[in-house]
Each structure stands twice: as structure tokens, then as C-alpha cells.
Amino acid sequence: MNQNKKENGKLCQKAICLQHIDGLTPLKYLYDTAKRNIDGDITIEEDKQFIDSYYET
């Protein structure tokens, strides 16, 4: 596993853990976009944009 993929995985895991700490259940959409980010298909900025637009609709 390359370093960037490993670091992205850690960041996404932290975001998901924060959802749990706040008593929220992360949506499947969050897991899907996190995986795309970890796999390098999208950047963290694109990930944020996708999630923000999801919650706006």
C-alpha cells in the first residue's frame, strides 16, 4: 500500500469515527466516497464537495 493511500485511509477512518462519537450513523454514501478517495479516484477536496452536495439535496 502506498503512503498516500494509507494516509487517506487514516483520514477517512477518523471522519467516520467522529460521526460515531457524535452519535451519528455514517451513510453508505460516506463510505463509498471515502473508498473512492482512498483508492485515489478522487481527491479529498472532491470527496468533501460530493458529501457537501449530497447533504444539500
N, C-alpha and C. Protein backbone atom coordinates (compact mmCIF):
# COMPACT_ATOMS: atom_id res chain seq x y z
N MET A 1 0.86 -1.18 0.00
CA MET A 1 0.00 0.00 0.00
C MET A 1 0.90 1.23 0.00
N ASN A 2 0.62 2.16 -0.93
CA ASN A 2 1.46 3.35 -0.96
C ASN A 2 1.10 4.28 0.19
N GLN A 3 2.02 5.20 0.49
CA GLN A 3 1.86 6.08 1.65
C GLN A 3 0.62 6.97 1.53
N ASN A 4 0.36 7.50 0.33
CA ASN A 4 -0.78 8.38 0.14
C ASN A 4 -2.09 7.65 0.41
N LYS A 5 -2.19 6.44 -0.09
CA LYS A 5 -3.40 5.63 0.12
C LYS A 5 -3.58 5.33 1.62
N LYS A 6 -2.48 5.04 2.27
CA LYS A 6 -2.52 4.74 3.71
C LYS A 6 -2.97 5.98 4.50
N GLU A 7 -2.41 7.13 4.15
CA GLU A 7 -2.77 8.37 4.84
C GLU A 7 -4.24 8.73 4.59
N ASN A 8 -4.71 8.59 3.35
CA ASN A 8 -6.11 8.87 3.03
C ASN A 8 -7.03 7.95 3.83
N GLY A 9 -6.62 6.70 3.97
CA GLY A 9 -7.41 5.74 4.75
C GLY A 9 -7.54 6.17 6.20
N LYS A 10 -6.44 6.64 6.76
CA LYS A 10 -6.46 7.11 8.15
C LYS A 10 -7.38 8.31 8.32
N LEU A 11 -7.31 9.26 7.38
CA LEU A 11 -8.15 10.45 7.46
C LEU A 11 -9.63 10.10 7.35
N CYS A 12 -9.95 9.21 6.43
CA CYS A 12 -11.35 8.80 6.26
C CYS A 12 -11.85 8.05 7.50
N GLN A 13 -11.00 7.22 8.06
CA GLN A 13 -11.38 6.48 9.27
C GLN A 13 -11.66 7.44 10.42
N LYS A 14 -10.85 8.49 10.53
CA LYS A 14 -11.08 9.49 11.59
C LYS A 14 -12.42 10.17 11.40
N ALA A 15 -12.75 10.51 10.15
CA ALA A 15 -14.03 11.17 9.87
C ALA A 15 -15.19 10.27 10.27
N ILE A 16 -15.08 9.00 9.95
CA ILE A 16 -16.14 8.04 10.28
C ILE A 16 -16.24 7.87 11.80
N CYS A 17 -15.10 7.83 12.48
CA CYS A 17 -15.10 7.72 13.95
C CYS A 17 -15.76 8.94 14.59
N LEU A 18 -15.51 10.12 14.03
CA LEU A 18 -16.13 11.33 14.58
C LEU A 18 -17.65 11.28 14.43
N GLN A 19 -18.12 10.69 13.35
CA GLN A 19 -19.56 10.52 13.17
C GLN A 19 -20.12 9.66 14.30
N HIS A 20 -19.42 8.56 14.60
CA HIS A 20 -19.87 7.65 15.67
C HIS A 20 -19.83 8.35 17.03
N ILE A 21 -18.77 9.12 17.28
CA ILE A 21 -18.65 9.84 18.55
C ILE A 21 -19.82 10.79 18.75
N ASP A 22 -20.24 11.42 17.65
CA ASP A 22 -21.37 12.35 17.71
C ASP A 22 -22.71 11.63 17.76
N GLY A 23 -22.68 10.30 17.81
CA GLY A 23 -23.91 9.53 17.89
C GLY A 23 -24.61 9.38 16.55
N LEU A 24 -23.88 9.60 15.47
CA LEU A 24 -24.45 9.50 14.14
C LEU A 24 -24.04 8.20 13.48
N THR A 25 -24.86 7.73 12.59
CA THR A 25 -24.51 6.55 11.81
C THR A 25 -24.11 7.03 10.42
N PRO A 26 -22.85 6.82 10.04
CA PRO A 26 -22.41 7.26 8.72
C PRO A 26 -23.22 6.59 7.61
N LEU A 27 -23.56 7.37 6.61
CA LEU A 27 -24.32 6.86 5.47
C LEU A 27 -23.43 6.02 4.56
N LYS A 28 -24.04 5.14 3.82
CA LYS A 28 -23.31 4.35 2.85
C LYS A 28 -22.59 5.27 1.86
N TYR A 29 -23.21 6.40 1.54
CA TYR A 29 -22.61 7.37 0.63
C TYR A 29 -21.25 7.84 1.15
N LEU A 30 -21.15 8.06 2.47
CA LEU A 30 -19.87 8.46 3.06
C LEU A 30 -18.82 7.37 2.86
N TYR A 31 -19.20 6.13 3.11
CA TYR A 31 -18.27 5.03 2.93
C TYR A 31 -17.83 4.91 1.46
N ASP A 32 -18.79 5.09 0.55
CA ASP A 32 -18.48 4.98 -0.88
C ASP A 32 -17.50 6.07 -1.33
N THR A 33 -17.76 7.32 -0.92
CA THR A 33 -16.85 8.39 -1.33
C THR A 33 -15.50 8.26 -0.63
N ALA A 34 -15.50 7.79 0.60
CA ALA A 34 -14.23 7.57 1.30
C ALA A 34 -13.40 6.52 0.57
N LYS A 35 -14.04 5.45 0.14
CA LYS A 35 -13.31 4.41 -0.59
C LYS A 35 -12.74 4.96 -1.89
N ARG A 36 -13.54 5.77 -2.59
CA ARG A 36 -13.05 6.36 -3.85
C ARG A 36 -11.84 7.25 -3.58
N ASN A 37 -11.86 7.96 -2.45
CA ASN A 37 -10.73 8.81 -2.09
C ASN A 37 -9.51 7.97 -1.74
N ILE A 38 -9.70 6.95 -0.95
CA ILE A 38 -8.59 6.08 -0.55
C ILE A 38 -7.97 5.41 -1.77
N ASP A 39 -8.82 5.00 -2.70
CA ASP A 39 -8.32 4.35 -3.92
C ASP A 39 -7.65 5.32 -4.88
N GLY A 40 -7.77 6.63 -4.60
CA GLY A 40 -7.13 7.62 -5.45
C GLY A 40 -7.97 8.04 -6.64
N ASP A 41 -9.25 7.64 -6.65
CA ASP A 41 -10.14 8.01 -7.75
C ASP A 41 -10.56 9.47 -7.68
N ILE A 42 -10.64 10.01 -6.45
CA ILE A 42 -10.99 11.41 -6.24
C ILE A 42 -10.07 11.98 -5.17
N THR A 43 -9.94 13.29 -5.14
CA THR A 43 -9.13 13.95 -4.12
C THR A 43 -9.97 14.17 -2.86
N ILE A 44 -9.32 14.54 -1.79
CA ILE A 44 -10.05 14.83 -0.55
C ILE A 44 -10.97 16.03 -0.75
N GLU A 45 -10.54 16.99 -1.59
CA GLU A 45 -11.38 18.14 -1.88
C GLU A 45 -12.64 17.72 -2.64
N GLU A 46 -12.48 16.83 -3.63
CA GLU A 46 -13.64 16.32 -4.37
C GLU A 46 -14.55 15.52 -3.45
N ASP A 47 -13.95 14.75 -2.57
CA ASP A 47 -14.71 13.95 -1.60
C ASP A 47 -15.60 14.89 -0.78
N LYS A 48 -15.01 15.97 -0.26
CA LYS A 48 -15.76 16.95 0.52
C LYS A 48 -16.88 17.57 -0.30
N GLN A 49 -16.61 17.93 -1.55
CA GLN A 49 -17.63 18.52 -2.41
C GLN A 49 -18.79 17.57 -2.64
N PHE A 50 -18.48 16.30 -2.89
CA PHE A 50 -19.54 15.30 -3.10
C PHE A 50 -20.41 15.16 -1.86
N ILE A 51 -19.78 15.09 -0.70
CA ILE A 51 -20.54 14.91 0.54
C ILE A 51 -21.35 16.17 0.85
N ASP A 52 -20.74 17.36 0.67
CA ASP A 52 -21.47 18.61 0.90
C ASP A 52 -22.70 18.70 -0.01
N SER A 53 -22.52 18.37 -1.30
CA SER A 53 -23.65 18.47 -2.23
C SER A 53 -24.71 17.41 -1.90
N TYR A 54 -24.28 16.26 -1.39
CA TYR A 54 -25.24 15.22 -1.00
C TYR A 54 -26.15 15.74 0.11
N TYR A 55 -25.55 16.40 1.11
CA TYR A 55 -26.33 16.89 2.23
C TYR A 55 -27.18 18.12 1.86
N GLU A 56 -26.79 18.84 0.81
CA GLU A 56 -27.58 19.98 0.37
C GLU A 56 -28.87 19.56 -0.30
N THR A 57 -28.88 18.35 -0.90
CA THR A 57 -30.08 17.92 -1.63
C THR A 57 -31.07 17.22 -0.76
